[in-house]
Amino acid sequence: MPRAAILGTGFDVPDRVVSNDDLTAVMDTSDAWIRERTGIEERRWVREGTTGAQMAHRACLAALEEADIPASDVDAIILATLSPDHAFPGTGVFLQRELGLTGIPALDVRAQCTGFVYGLSVADAWIRMGQYRTILLVGVEIQSTGLDVSTAGRDMAVLFGDGAGAVVVGATDDDGRGVLVTRLHSDGRHAETLWCDAASSARHPRVSSEDLASGRHYPSMDGREVFKHAATRMPEAVEEALAASGLEIGDVDLLIPHQANLRISEMVRRRLQLPEERVYNNIQRYGNTTAATIPIALAEAVREGRLQRGDLLCLVAFGSGFTWGSALIRW
């Protein structure tokens, strides 16, 4: 049975840098206030006209180049996002078109911040069963166009950024390499704790003038509740994956957590008793790019030489839904 290995990584972020100081011009906030609560120093927001499919395309080209694989060899696309370019169809087919591919499946995953880990689990299963051999797995978000960039919306607006990250997941017969295990969870009892209520097919019409006036089309969050659950569920998911693989936390060479909040990542690190040098964070530069945070961080970690062949990589995420999950990968 083949294993699924990550053969190449890539990412793309907008060239528009929005610093904390830039936000002080449009809302009552400060650089110190944002850094203290989130660890974020700046984020990237798209310029008008940029699409998620375009950013995903550039990230995929970088991943394919690193893997030395032509786009024509791709058997399937899995794209994770909570901010699709259009209500329908999904962004995956627009990425497929950008790549010049036809006939292959393009699956969109809606698991929010955990979307990339969910997508990796699907890619791993497809490859293990022999259905596909070369899969493009992408996380991409454009959050900036859906935020209330004012004092009223500052608790959410300061957090999010735009970007795309991609990996080439390919079949390998190397027993010493590849995805070892994935573990996925969700708990819909907390669905409204972090969500965007409108536009919604549960509403008639899907979005009304009253919705717009009340701000229901902007995301909302109970930050304290999300923090509490994330700081608990993420370490649990890591420990669960390690137990399933017969490994221990000391075996982990690099942990890449979803980049939601630097304080959450630090809490996870401490609970797992990992030294700082074994945890990768880049939220300071990009903010929370939801489904794109892990693949962007992974691509940067690879380019910085943080992973060597044979290293044990752990990915862990938590997000709206609530959804959470983890993956262990032998690099």
C-alpha atoms as a PDB file:
ATOM      1  CA  MET A   1       0.000   0.000   0.000  1.00  0.00           C
ATOM      2  CA  PRO A   2       1.532   3.366  -0.999  1.00  0.00           C
ATOM      3  CA  ARG A   3       1.924   6.190   1.468  1.00  0.00           C
ATOM      4  CA  ALA A   4       1.070   9.846   0.896  1.00  0.00           C
ATOM      5  CA  ALA A   5       4.129  12.097   1.085  1.00  0.00           C
ATOM      6  CA  ILE A   6       4.443  15.852   0.718  1.00  0.00           C
ATOM      7  CA  LEU A   7       6.666  16.309  -2.322  1.00  0.00           C
ATOM      8  CA  GLY A   8       6.558  20.084  -2.726  1.00  0.00           C
ATOM      9  CA  THR A   9       5.310  23.235  -0.998  1.00  0.00           C
ATOM     10  CA  GLY A  10       4.428  26.731  -2.146  1.00  0.00           C
ATOM     11  CA  PHE A  11       2.655  29.861  -1.019  1.00  0.00           C
ATOM     12  CA  ASP A  12       1.457  33.209  -2.269  1.00  0.00           C
ATOM     13  CA  VAL A  13       0.474  36.298  -0.293  1.00  0.00           C
ATOM     14  CA  PRO A  14      -0.631  39.734  -1.522  1.00  0.00           C
ATOM     15  CA  ASP A  15       1.976  42.469  -1.856  1.00  0.00           C
ATOM     16  CA  ARG A  16      -0.238  44.860   0.125  1.00  0.00           C
ATOM     17  CA  VAL A  17       1.078  44.964   3.690  1.00  0.00           C
ATOM     18  CA  VAL A  18      -1.338  46.312   6.313  1.00  0.00           C
ATOM     19  CA  SER A  19       0.409  47.123   9.572  1.00  0.00           C
ATOM     20  CA  ASN A  20      -1.221  47.595  12.949  1.00  0.00           C
ATOM     21  CA  ASP A  21      -0.465  51.288  12.655  1.00  0.00           C
ATOM     22  CA  ASP A  22      -2.341  51.383   9.339  1.00  0.00           C
ATOM     23  CA  LEU A  23      -5.459  50.148  11.120  1.00  0.00           C
ATOM     24  CA  THR A  24      -5.331  52.970  13.630  1.00  0.00           C
ATOM     25  CA  ALA A  25      -6.381  55.305  10.823  1.00  0.00           C
ATOM     26  CA  VAL A  26      -9.750  53.551  10.433  1.00  0.00           C
ATOM     27  CA  MET A  27     -10.534  52.239  13.918  1.00  0.00           C
ATOM     28  CA  ASP A  28      -9.888  52.915  17.587  1.00  0.00           C
ATOM     29  CA  THR A  29      -6.948  50.593  18.189  1.00  0.00           C
ATOM     30  CA  SER A  30      -3.190  50.628  18.627  1.00  0.00           C
ATOM     31  CA  ASP A  31      -0.181  48.568  17.702  1.00  0.00           C
ATOM     32  CA  ALA A  32       0.362  47.694  21.374  1.00  0.00           C
ATOM     33  CA  TRP A  33      -3.286  46.624  21.848  1.00  0.00           C
ATOM     34  CA  ILE A  34      -3.171  44.259  18.853  1.00  0.00           C
ATOM     35  CA  ARG A  35       0.246  42.778  19.648  1.00  0.00           C
ATOM     36  CA  GLU A  36      -0.654  42.122  23.268  1.00  0.00           C
ATOM     37  CA  ARG A  37      -3.873  40.273  22.408  1.00  0.00           C
ATOM     38  CA  THR A  38      -2.882  38.475  19.201  1.00  0.00           C
ATOM     39  CA  GLY A  39       0.856  38.684  18.523  1.00  0.00           C
ATOM     40  CA  ILE A  40       0.090  40.092  15.063  1.00  0.00           C
ATOM     41  CA  GLU A  41       2.261  42.906  13.745  1.00  0.00           C
ATOM     42  CA  GLU A  42       1.005  43.050  10.145  1.00  0.00           C
ATOM     43  CA  ARG A  43      -1.103  41.131   7.669  1.00  0.00           C
ATOM     44  CA  ARG A  44      -1.543  40.966   3.882  1.00  0.00           C
ATOM     45  CA  TRP A  45      -4.772  42.112   2.225  1.00  0.00           C
ATOM     46  CA  VAL A  46      -5.548  41.710  -1.458  1.00  0.00           C
ATOM     47  CA  ARG A  47      -5.874  44.558  -3.879  1.00  0.00           C
ATOM     48  CA  GLU A  48      -9.165  44.897  -5.724  1.00  0.00           C
ATOM     49  CA  GLY A  49      -9.488  42.357  -8.526  1.00  0.00           C
ATOM     50  CA  THR A  50      -7.380  39.611  -6.945  1.00  0.00           C
ATOM     51  CA  THR A  51      -9.146  36.258  -6.599  1.00  0.00           C
ATOM     52  CA  GLY A  52      -8.502  33.279  -4.397  1.00  0.00           C
ATOM     53  CA  ALA A  53      -8.064  31.092  -7.473  1.00  0.00           C
ATOM     54  CA  GLN A  54      -5.268  33.369  -8.704  1.00  0.00           C
ATOM     55  CA  MET A  55      -3.389  33.190  -5.405  1.00  0.00           C
ATOM     56  CA  ALA A  56      -3.956  29.430  -5.213  1.00  0.00           C
ATOM     57  CA  HIS A  57      -2.618  29.075  -8.765  1.00  0.00           C
ATOM     58  CA  ARG A  58       0.628  30.837  -7.906  1.00  0.00           C
ATOM     59  CA  ALA A  59       1.040  28.775  -4.730  1.00  0.00           C
ATOM     60  CA  CYS A  60       0.447  25.566  -6.691  1.00  0.00           C
ATOM     61  CA  LEU A  61       2.995  26.495  -9.365  1.00  0.00           C
ATOM     62  CA  ALA A  62       5.602  27.015  -6.630  1.00  0.00           C
ATOM     63  CA  ALA A  63       4.743  23.654  -5.041  1.00  0.00           C
ATOM     64  CA  LEU A  64       4.877  21.851  -8.393  1.00  0.00           C
ATOM     65  CA  GLU A  65       8.230  23.458  -9.179  1.00  0.00           C
ATOM     66  CA  GLU A  66       9.666  22.361  -5.836  1.00  0.00           C
ATOM     67  CA  ALA A  67       8.375  18.831  -6.432  1.00  0.00           C
ATOM     68  CA  ASP A  68       9.669  18.893 -10.035  1.00  0.00           C
ATOM     69  CA  ILE A  69       6.295  17.650 -11.244  1.00  0.00           C
ATOM     70  CA  PRO A  70       4.399  19.087 -14.238  1.00  0.00           C
ATOM     71  CA  ALA A  71       0.815  20.230 -13.700  1.00  0.00           C
ATOM     72  CA  SER A  72      -0.280  17.644 -16.276  1.00  0.00           C
ATOM     73  CA  ASP A  73       0.599  14.885 -13.770  1.00  0.00           C
ATOM     74  CA  VAL A  74      -1.941  16.128 -11.210  1.00  0.00           C
ATOM     75  CA  ASP A  75      -4.764  13.601 -10.697  1.00  0.00           C
ATOM     76  CA  ALA A  76      -6.958  15.605  -8.288  1.00  0.00           C
ATOM     77  CA  ILE A  77      -7.353  18.953  -6.542  1.00  0.00           C
ATOM     78  CA  ILE A  78      -8.482  19.458  -2.943  1.00  0.00           C
ATOM     79  CA  LEU A  79      -9.061  23.085  -1.995  1.00  0.00           C
ATOM     80  CA  ALA A  80      -9.903  24.254   1.525  1.00  0.00           C
ATOM     81  CA  THR A  81     -11.477  27.663   2.058  1.00  0.00           C
ATOM     82  CA  LEU A  82     -14.219  29.410   3.995  1.00  0.00           C
ATOM     83  CA  SER A  83     -14.131  32.402   1.633  1.00  0.00           C
ATOM     84  CA  PRO A  84     -14.869  31.051  -1.868  1.00  0.00           C
ATOM     85  CA  ASP A  85     -14.555  33.392  -4.820  1.00  0.00           C
ATOM     86  CA  HIS A  86     -18.251  32.833  -5.585  1.00  0.00           C
ATOM     87  CA  ALA A  87     -21.271  31.343  -3.839  1.00  0.00           C
ATOM     88  CA  PHE A  88     -20.991  28.531  -6.377  1.00  0.00           C
ATOM     89  CA  PRO A  89     -19.269  26.768  -7.986  1.00  0.00           C
ATOM     90  CA  GLY A  90     -16.394  26.156  -5.581  1.00  0.00           C
ATOM     91  CA  THR A  91     -13.007  27.790  -6.027  1.00  0.00           C
ATOM     92  CA  GLY A  92     -11.443  24.409  -6.856  1.00  0.00           C
ATOM     93  CA  VAL A  93     -12.738  24.392 -10.426  1.00  0.00           C
ATOM     94  CA  PHE A  94     -11.502  27.947 -10.989  1.00  0.00           C
ATOM     95  CA  LEU A  95      -8.060  26.830  -9.820  1.00  0.00           C
ATOM     96  CA  GLN A  96      -8.307  23.839 -12.145  1.00  0.00           C
ATOM     97  CA  ARG A  97      -9.024  26.219 -15.034  1.00  0.00           C
ATOM     98  CA  GLU A  98      -6.078  28.444 -14.077  1.00  0.00           C
ATOM     99  CA  LEU A  99      -3.833  25.361 -14.214  1.00  0.00           C
ATOM    100  CA  GLY A 100      -5.142  24.391 -17.646  1.00  0.00           C
ATOM    101  CA  LEU A 101      -6.443  21.040 -16.413  1.00  0.00           C
ATOM    102  CA  THR A 102      -9.657  19.268 -17.378  1.00  0.00           C
ATOM    103  CA  GLY A 103     -11.411  16.092 -16.338  1.00  0.00           C
ATOM    104  CA  ILE A 104      -9.806  15.639 -12.922  1.00  0.00           C
ATOM    105  CA  PRO A 105     -11.860  16.043  -9.715  1.00  0.00           C
ATOM    106  CA  ALA A 106     -11.777  19.312  -7.789  1.00  0.00           C
ATOM    107  CA  LEU A 107     -13.062  18.944  -4.238  1.00  0.00           C
ATOM    108  CA  ASP A 108     -13.768  21.987  -2.065  1.00  0.00           C
ATOM    109  CA  VAL A 109     -13.531  21.473   1.708  1.00  0.00           C
ATOM    110  CA  ARG A 110     -15.469  23.671   4.138  1.00  0.00           C
ATOM    111  CA  ALA A 111     -13.888  22.938   7.497  1.00  0.00           C
ATOM    112  CA  GLN A 112     -12.715  26.501   8.127  1.00  0.00           C
ATOM    113  CA  CYS A 113      -9.400  26.780   9.973  1.00  0.00           C
ATOM    114  CA  THR A 114      -9.072  22.994  10.063  1.00  0.00           C
ATOM    115  CA  GLY A 115      -9.706  22.701   6.325  1.00  0.00           C
ATOM    116  CA  PHE A 116      -6.129  21.952   5.319  1.00  0.00           C
ATOM    117  CA  VAL A 117      -5.810  19.108   7.838  1.00  0.00           C
ATOM    118  CA  TYR A 118      -9.179  17.699   6.727  1.00  0.00           C
ATOM    119  CA  GLY A 119      -7.989  17.934   3.119  1.00  0.00           C
ATOM    120  CA  LEU A 120      -4.733  16.167   3.951  1.00  0.00           C
ATOM    121  CA  SER A 121      -6.703  13.307   5.486  1.00  0.00           C
ATOM    122  CA  VAL A 122      -8.741  12.966   2.274  1.00  0.00           C
ATOM    123  CA  ALA A 123      -5.617  13.087   0.100  1.00  0.00           C
ATOM    124  CA  ASP A 124      -3.949  10.465   2.294  1.00  0.00           C
ATOM    125  CA  ALA A 125      -6.957   8.138   1.991  1.00  0.00           C
ATOM    126  CA  TRP A 126      -7.190   8.569  -1.797  1.00  0.00           C
ATOM    127  CA  ILE A 127      -3.513   7.737  -2.228  1.00  0.00           C
ATOM    128  CA  ARG A 128      -3.516   4.797   0.192  1.00  0.00           C
ATOM    129  CA  MET A 129      -6.421   3.201  -1.659  1.00  0.00           C
ATOM    130  CA  GLY A 130      -4.667   3.727  -4.984  1.00  0.00           C
ATOM    131  CA  GLN A 131      -7.324   6.007  -6.482  1.00  0.00           C
ATOM    132  CA  TYR A 132      -4.903   8.878  -7.232  1.00  0.00           C
ATOM    133  CA  ARG A 133      -1.132   9.301  -7.152  1.00  0.00           C
ATOM    134  CA  THR A 134      -0.549  13.078  -7.392  1.00  0.00           C
ATOM    135  CA  ILE A 135      -2.836  15.539  -5.603  1.00  0.00           C
ATOM    136  CA  LEU A 136      -2.699  19.306  -5.224  1.00  0.00           C
ATOM    137  CA  LEU A 137      -3.859  20.259  -1.727  1.00  0.00           C
ATOM    138  CA  VAL A 138      -4.499  23.965  -1.224  1.00  0.00           C
ATOM    139  CA  GLY A 139      -5.630  26.301   1.526  1.00  0.00           C
ATOM    140  CA  VAL A 140      -6.628  29.782   0.330  1.00  0.00           C
ATOM    141  CA  GLU A 141      -8.488  32.705   1.868  1.00  0.00           C
ATOM    142  CA  ILE A 142      -9.541  36.241   1.087  1.00  0.00           C
ATOM    143  CA  GLN A 143     -10.853  37.463   4.416  1.00  0.00           C
ATOM    144  CA  SER A 144     -10.236  41.186   4.063  1.00  0.00           C
ATOM    145  CA  THR A 145     -13.235  41.838   1.801  1.00  0.00           C
ATOM    146  CA  GLY A 146     -15.616  40.402   4.405  1.00  0.00           C
ATOM    147  CA  LEU A 147     -14.513  42.308   7.494  1.00  0.00           C
ATOM    148  CA  ASP A 148     -16.027  45.283   9.286  1.00  0.00           C
ATOM    149  CA  VAL A 149     -12.952  47.510   9.152  1.00  0.00           C
ATOM    150  CA  SER A 150     -14.128  49.949  11.808  1.00  0.00           C
ATOM    151  CA  THR A 151     -14.040  50.292  15.571  1.00  0.00           C
ATOM    152  CA  ALA A 152     -17.264  48.264  15.780  1.00  0.00           C
ATOM    153  CA  GLY A 153     -15.587  45.327  14.040  1.00  0.00           C
ATOM    154  CA  ARG A 154     -12.045  45.675  15.310  1.00  0.00           C
ATOM    155  CA  ASP A 155     -12.031  42.485  17.427  1.00  0.00           C
ATOM    156  CA  MET A 156     -12.299  40.452  14.214  1.00  0.00           C
ATOM    157  CA  ALA A 157     -10.812  42.825  11.641  1.00  0.00           C
ATOM    158  CA  VAL A 158      -7.363  42.980  13.248  1.00  0.00           C
ATOM    159  CA  LEU A 159      -7.019  39.189  13.185  1.00  0.00           C
ATOM    160  CA  PHE A 160      -7.396  38.143   9.589  1.00  0.00           C
ATOM    161  CA  GLY A 161      -5.233  38.186   6.503  1.00  0.00           C
ATOM    162  CA  ASP A 162      -5.303  36.873   2.953  1.00  0.00           C
ATOM    163  CA  GLY A 163      -3.088  34.267   1.310  1.00  0.00           C
ATOM    164  CA  ALA A 164      -2.693  30.826  -0.189  1.00  0.00           C
ATOM    165  CA  GLY A 165      -0.543  27.807   0.565  1.00  0.00           C
ATOM    166  CA  ALA A 166      -0.250  24.592  -1.427  1.00  0.00           C
ATOM    167  CA  VAL A 167       1.415  21.205  -1.270  1.00  0.00           C
ATOM    168  CA  VAL A 168       1.877  18.412  -3.767  1.00  0.00           C
ATOM    169  CA  VAL A 169       0.826  15.176  -2.088  1.00  0.00           C
ATOM    170  CA  GLY A 170       2.188  12.173  -3.946  1.00  0.00           C
ATOM    171  CA  ALA A 171       2.313   8.408  -3.596  1.00  0.00           C
ATOM    172  CA  THR A 172       5.549   6.933  -2.256  1.00  0.00           C
ATOM    173  CA  ASP A 173       6.683   3.396  -1.517  1.00  0.00           C
ATOM    174  CA  ASP A 174       9.304   4.694   0.940  1.00  0.00           C
ATOM    175  CA  ASP A 175       8.334   3.212   4.332  1.00  0.00           C
ATOM    176  CA  GLY A 176      10.349   5.908   6.071  1.00  0.00           C
ATOM    177  CA  ARG A 177       8.395   8.798   4.611  1.00  0.00           C
ATOM    178  CA  GLY A 178       4.849  10.097   4.428  1.00  0.00           C
ATOM    179  CA  VAL A 179       1.667  10.711   6.400  1.00  0.00           C
ATOM    180  CA  LEU A 180       1.595   8.447   9.453  1.00  0.00           C
ATOM    181  CA  VAL A 181      -1.812   9.325  10.851  1.00  0.00           C
ATOM    182  CA  THR A 182      -4.524  11.991  10.784  1.00  0.00           C
ATOM    183  CA  ARG A 183      -7.163  12.596  13.424  1.00  0.00           C
ATOM    184  CA  LEU A 184     -10.266  14.749  12.787  1.00  0.00           C
ATOM    185  CA  HIS A 185     -13.024  16.031  15.084  1.00  0.00           C
ATOM    186  CA  SER A 186     -15.944  18.446  15.227  1.00  0.00           C
ATOM    187  CA  ASP A 187     -18.571  19.593  17.718  1.00  0.00           C
ATOM    188  CA  GLY A 188     -21.543  21.458  16.264  1.00  0.00           C
ATOM    189  CA  ARG A 189     -22.824  22.454  19.696  1.00  0.00           C
ATOM    190  CA  HIS A 190     -20.501  25.450  19.411  1.00  0.00           C
ATOM    191  CA  ALA A 191     -21.295  26.376  15.798  1.00  0.00           C
ATOM    192  CA  GLU A 192     -22.507  29.885  16.581  1.00  0.00           C
ATOM    193  CA  THR A 193     -19.532  30.700  18.797  1.00  0.00           C
ATOM    194  CA  LEU A 194     -17.495  31.586  15.701  1.00  0.00           C
ATOM    195  CA  TRP A 195     -19.531  32.082  12.561  1.00  0.00           C
ATOM    196  CA  CYS A 196     -20.952  34.345   9.864  1.00  0.00           C
ATOM    197  CA  ASP A 197     -24.753  34.318   9.887  1.00  0.00           C
ATOM    198  CA  ALA A 198     -25.585  35.985   6.551  1.00  0.00           C
ATOM    199  CA  ALA A 199     -25.926  35.601   3.621  1.00  0.00           C
ATOM    200  CA  SER A 200     -27.651  32.320   4.429  1.00  0.00           C
ATOM    201  CA  SER A 201     -30.000  29.959   2.597  1.00  0.00           C
ATOM    202  CA  ALA A 202     -31.734  29.513   5.961  1.00  0.00           C
ATOM    203  CA  ARG A 203     -32.943  33.103   5.620  1.00  0.00           C
ATOM    204  CA  HIS A 204     -35.643  34.418   3.276  1.00  0.00           C
ATOM    205  CA  PRO A 205     -34.197  36.319   1.489  1.00  0.00           C
ATOM    206  CA  ARG A 206     -30.623  35.122   1.990  1.00  0.00           C
ATOM    207  CA  VAL A 207     -29.534  38.619   2.954  1.00  0.00           C
ATOM    208  CA  SER A 208     -31.821  41.538   3.791  1.00  0.00           C
ATOM    209  CA  SER A 209     -31.380  45.217   4.433  1.00  0.00           C
ATOM    210  CA  GLU A 210     -31.943  44.422   8.116  1.00  0.00           C
ATOM    211  CA  ASP A 211     -29.074  41.901   8.015  1.00  0.00           C
ATOM    212  CA  LEU A 212     -26.780  44.509   6.498  1.00  0.00           C
ATOM    213  CA  ALA A 213     -27.833  47.148   9.011  1.00  0.00           C
ATOM    214  CA  SER A 214     -27.202  44.811  11.956  1.00  0.00           C
ATOM    215  CA  GLY A 215     -23.885  43.525  10.594  1.00  0.00           C
ATOM    216  CA  ARG A 216     -24.948  39.878  10.351  1.00  0.00           C
ATOM    217  CA  HIS A 217     -22.927  39.596   7.139  1.00  0.00           C
ATOM    218  CA  TYR A 218     -19.732  40.125   9.150  1.00  0.00           C
ATOM    219  CA  PRO A 219     -18.094  37.298  11.127  1.00  0.00           C
ATOM    220  CA  SER A 220     -18.589  37.237  14.885  1.00  0.00           C
ATOM    221  CA  MET A 221     -16.827  35.394  17.675  1.00  0.00           C
ATOM    222  CA  ASP A 222     -16.895  34.764  21.394  1.00  0.00           C
ATOM    223  CA  GLY A 223     -13.139  35.144  21.699  1.00  0.00           C
ATOM    224  CA  ARG A 224     -12.830  33.882  25.248  1.00  0.00           C
ATOM    225  CA  GLU A 225     -14.748  30.676  24.471  1.00  0.00           C
ATOM    226  CA  VAL A 226     -12.776  30.024  21.294  1.00  0.00           C
ATOM    227  CA  PHE A 227      -9.488  30.560  23.130  1.00  0.00           C
ATOM    228  CA  LYS A 228     -10.475  28.127  25.878  1.00  0.00           C
ATOM    229  CA  HIS A 229     -11.489  25.347  23.495  1.00  0.00           C
ATOM    230  CA  ALA A 230      -8.560  25.843  21.098  1.00  0.00           C
ATOM    231  CA  ALA A 231      -6.006  25.735  23.904  1.00  0.00           C
ATOM    232  CA  THR A 232      -7.500  22.417  25.064  1.00  0.00           C
ATOM    233  CA  ARG A 233      -8.421  20.642  21.838  1.00  0.00           C
ATOM    234  CA  MET A 234      -5.198  21.298  19.948  1.00  0.00           C
ATOM    235  CA  PRO A 235      -2.878  19.629  22.499  1.00  0.00           C
ATOM    236  CA  GLU A 236      -5.386  16.772  22.801  1.00  0.00           C
ATOM    237  CA  ALA A 237      -5.316  16.224  19.039  1.00  0.00           C
ATOM    238  CA  VAL A 238      -1.511  16.146  19.009  1.00  0.00           C
ATOM    239  CA  GLU A 239      -1.409  13.638  21.861  1.00  0.00           C
ATOM    240  CA  GLU A 240      -4.063  11.500  20.163  1.00  0.00           C
ATOM    241  CA  ALA A 241      -2.066  11.299  16.923  1.00  0.00           C
ATOM    242  CA  LEU A 242       1.127  10.457  18.807  1.00  0.00           C
ATOM    243  CA  ALA A 243      -0.598   7.690  20.764  1.00  0.00           C
ATOM    244  CA  ALA A 244      -2.023   6.219  17.556  1.00  0.00           C
ATOM    245  CA  SER A 245       1.477   6.114  16.069  1.00  0.00           C
ATOM    246  CA  GLY A 246       3.257   4.790  19.135  1.00  0.00           C
ATOM    247  CA  LEU A 247       5.298   7.981  19.399  1.00  0.00           C
ATOM    248  CA  GLU A 248       5.901  10.588  22.093  1.00  0.00           C
ATOM    249  CA  ILE A 249       6.024  14.378  22.104  1.00  0.00           C
ATOM    250  CA  GLY A 250       9.816  14.238  22.358  1.00  0.00           C
ATOM    251  CA  ASP A 251       9.862  12.599  18.902  1.00  0.00           C
ATOM    252  CA  VAL A 252       8.324  15.681  17.261  1.00  0.00           C
ATOM    253  CA  ASP A 253      10.929  17.744  15.417  1.00  0.00           C
ATOM    254  CA  LEU A 254       8.565  20.517  14.332  1.00  0.00           C
ATOM    255  CA  LEU A 255       5.017  21.464  15.278  1.00  0.00           C
ATOM    256  CA  ILE A 256       3.096  23.798  12.976  1.00  0.00           C
ATOM    257  CA  PRO A 257      -0.119  24.912  14.669  1.00  0.00           C
ATOM    258  CA  HIS A 258      -2.902  26.807  12.952  1.00  0.00           C
ATOM    259  CA  GLN A 259      -1.975  30.476  13.226  1.00  0.00           C
ATOM    260  CA  ALA A 260      -5.044  31.839  15.006  1.00  0.00           C
ATOM    261  CA  ASN A 261      -3.448  33.773  17.832  1.00  0.00           C
ATOM    262  CA  LEU A 262       0.122  33.753  19.100  1.00  0.00           C
ATOM    263  CA  ARG A 263      -1.145  33.402  22.672  1.00  0.00           C
ATOM    264  CA  ILE A 264      -3.015  30.218  21.710  1.00  0.00           C
ATOM    265  CA  SER A 265       0.064  28.789  19.997  1.00  0.00           C
ATOM    266  CA  GLU A 266       2.153  29.560  23.053  1.00  0.00           C
ATOM    267  CA  MET A 267      -0.416  27.925  25.336  1.00  0.00           C
ATOM    268  CA  VAL A 268      -0.389  24.805  23.141  1.00  0.00           C
ATOM    269  CA  ARG A 269       3.411  24.725  23.192  1.00  0.00           C
ATOM    270  CA  ARG A 270       3.529  24.948  26.960  1.00  0.00           C
ATOM    271  CA  ARG A 271       0.879  22.297  27.494  1.00  0.00           C
ATOM    272  CA  LEU A 272       2.792  19.933  25.225  1.00  0.00           C
ATOM    273  CA  GLN A 273       6.091  20.923  26.902  1.00  0.00           C
ATOM    274  CA  LEU A 274       7.796  21.585  23.592  1.00  0.00           C
ATOM    275  CA  PRO A 275      10.784  23.937  23.387  1.00  0.00           C
ATOM    276  CA  GLU A 276      10.232  27.130  21.390  1.00  0.00           C
ATOM    277  CA  GLU A 277      12.574  26.058  18.604  1.00  0.00           C
ATOM    278  CA  ARG A 278      10.308  23.112  17.772  1.00  0.00           C
ATOM    279  CA  VAL A 279       7.221  25.244  17.098  1.00  0.00           C
ATOM    280  CA  TYR A 280       6.846  27.353  13.956  1.00  0.00           C
ATOM    281  CA  ASN A 281       4.852  30.599  14.047  1.00  0.00           C
ATOM    282  CA  ASN A 282       4.464  33.278  11.394  1.00  0.00           C
ATOM    283  CA  ILE A 283       1.202  34.916  12.489  1.00  0.00           C
ATOM    284  CA  GLN A 284       3.253  38.019  13.285  1.00  0.00           C
ATOM    285  CA  ARG A 285       3.621  38.668   9.522  1.00  0.00           C
ATOM    286  CA  TYR A 286       0.401  37.336   8.030  1.00  0.00           C
ATOM    287  CA  GLY A 287      -2.319  37.281  10.664  1.00  0.00           C
ATOM    288  CA  ASN A 288      -4.875  34.482  10.624  1.00  0.00           C
ATOM    289  CA  THR A 289      -5.345  33.232   7.047  1.00  0.00           C
ATOM    290  CA  THR A 290      -7.632  30.416   8.281  1.00  0.00           C
ATOM    291  CA  ALA A 291      -7.330  27.392   5.949  1.00  0.00           C
ATOM    292  CA  ALA A 292      -4.119  28.813   4.463  1.00  0.00           C
ATOM    293  CA  THR A 293      -2.142  29.288   7.686  1.00  0.00           C
ATOM    294  CA  ILE A 294      -0.648  25.804   7.929  1.00  0.00           C
ATOM    295  CA  PRO A 295       0.446  25.418   4.276  1.00  0.00           C
ATOM    296  CA  ILE A 296       1.904  28.947   4.237  1.00  0.00           C
ATOM    297  CA  ALA A 297       3.840  28.238   7.431  1.00  0.00           C
ATOM    298  CA  LEU A 298       4.954  24.854   6.100  1.00  0.00           C
ATOM    299  CA  ALA A 299       6.261  26.381   2.882  1.00  0.00           C
ATOM    300  CA  GLU A 300       8.181  29.014   4.832  1.00  0.00           C
ATOM    301  CA  ALA A 301       9.580  26.423   7.238  1.00  0.00           C
ATOM    302  CA  VAL A 302      10.855  24.353   4.306  1.00  0.00           C
ATOM    303  CA  ARG A 303      12.508  27.384   2.741  1.00  0.00           C
ATOM    304  CA  GLU A 304      14.169  28.223   6.052  1.00  0.00           C
ATOM    305  CA  GLY A 305      15.616  24.726   6.363  1.00  0.00           C
ATOM    306  CA  ARG A 306      13.545  23.862   9.424  1.00  0.00           C
ATOM    307  CA  LEU A 307      12.710  20.366   8.119  1.00  0.00           C
ATOM    308  CA  GLN A 308      15.139  17.640   7.120  1.00  0.00           C
ATOM    309  CA  ARG A 309      14.412  14.245   5.595  1.00  0.00           C
ATOM    310  CA  GLY A 310      13.293  11.854   8.330  1.00  0.00           C
ATOM    311  CA  ASP A 311      12.038  14.606  10.686  1.00  0.00           C
ATOM    312  CA  LEU A 312       8.687  14.117  12.395  1.00  0.00           C
ATOM    313  CA  LEU A 313       6.314  16.958  11.517  1.00  0.00           C
ATOM    314  CA  CYS A 314       3.080  17.559  13.391  1.00  0.00           C
ATOM    315  CA  LEU A 315       0.250  19.756  12.096  1.00  0.00           C
ATOM    316  CA  VAL A 316      -2.649  20.765  14.327  1.00  0.00           C
ATOM    317  CA  ALA A 317      -5.602  23.088  13.805  1.00  0.00           C
ATOM    318  CA  PHE A 318      -8.770  24.346  15.465  1.00  0.00           C
ATOM    319  CA  GLY A 319     -11.523  26.497  14.053  1.00  0.00           C
ATOM    320  CA  SER A 320     -15.136  27.393  13.498  1.00  0.00           C
ATOM    321  CA  GLY A 321     -17.608  24.595  13.799  1.00  0.00           C
ATOM    322  CA  PHE A 322     -15.940  23.768  16.141  1.00  0.00           C
ATOM    323  CA  THR A 323     -13.599  21.639  14.043  1.00  0.00           C
ATOM    324  CA  TRP A 324     -10.155  20.422  14.983  1.00  0.00           C
ATOM    325  CA  GLY A 325      -7.612  17.867  13.907  1.00  0.00           C
ATOM    326  CA  SER A 326      -3.983  16.827  13.661  1.00  0.00           C
ATOM    327  CA  ALA A 327      -1.581  15.007  11.363  1.00  0.00           C
ATOM    328  CA  LEU A 328       1.781  13.348  11.839  1.00  0.00           C
ATOM    329  CA  ILE A 329       4.102  13.272   8.833  1.00  0.00           C
ATOM    330  CA  ARG A 330       7.498  11.665   8.468  1.00  0.00           C
ATOM    331  CA  TRP A 331       9.338  14.167   6.313  1.00  0.00           C
END
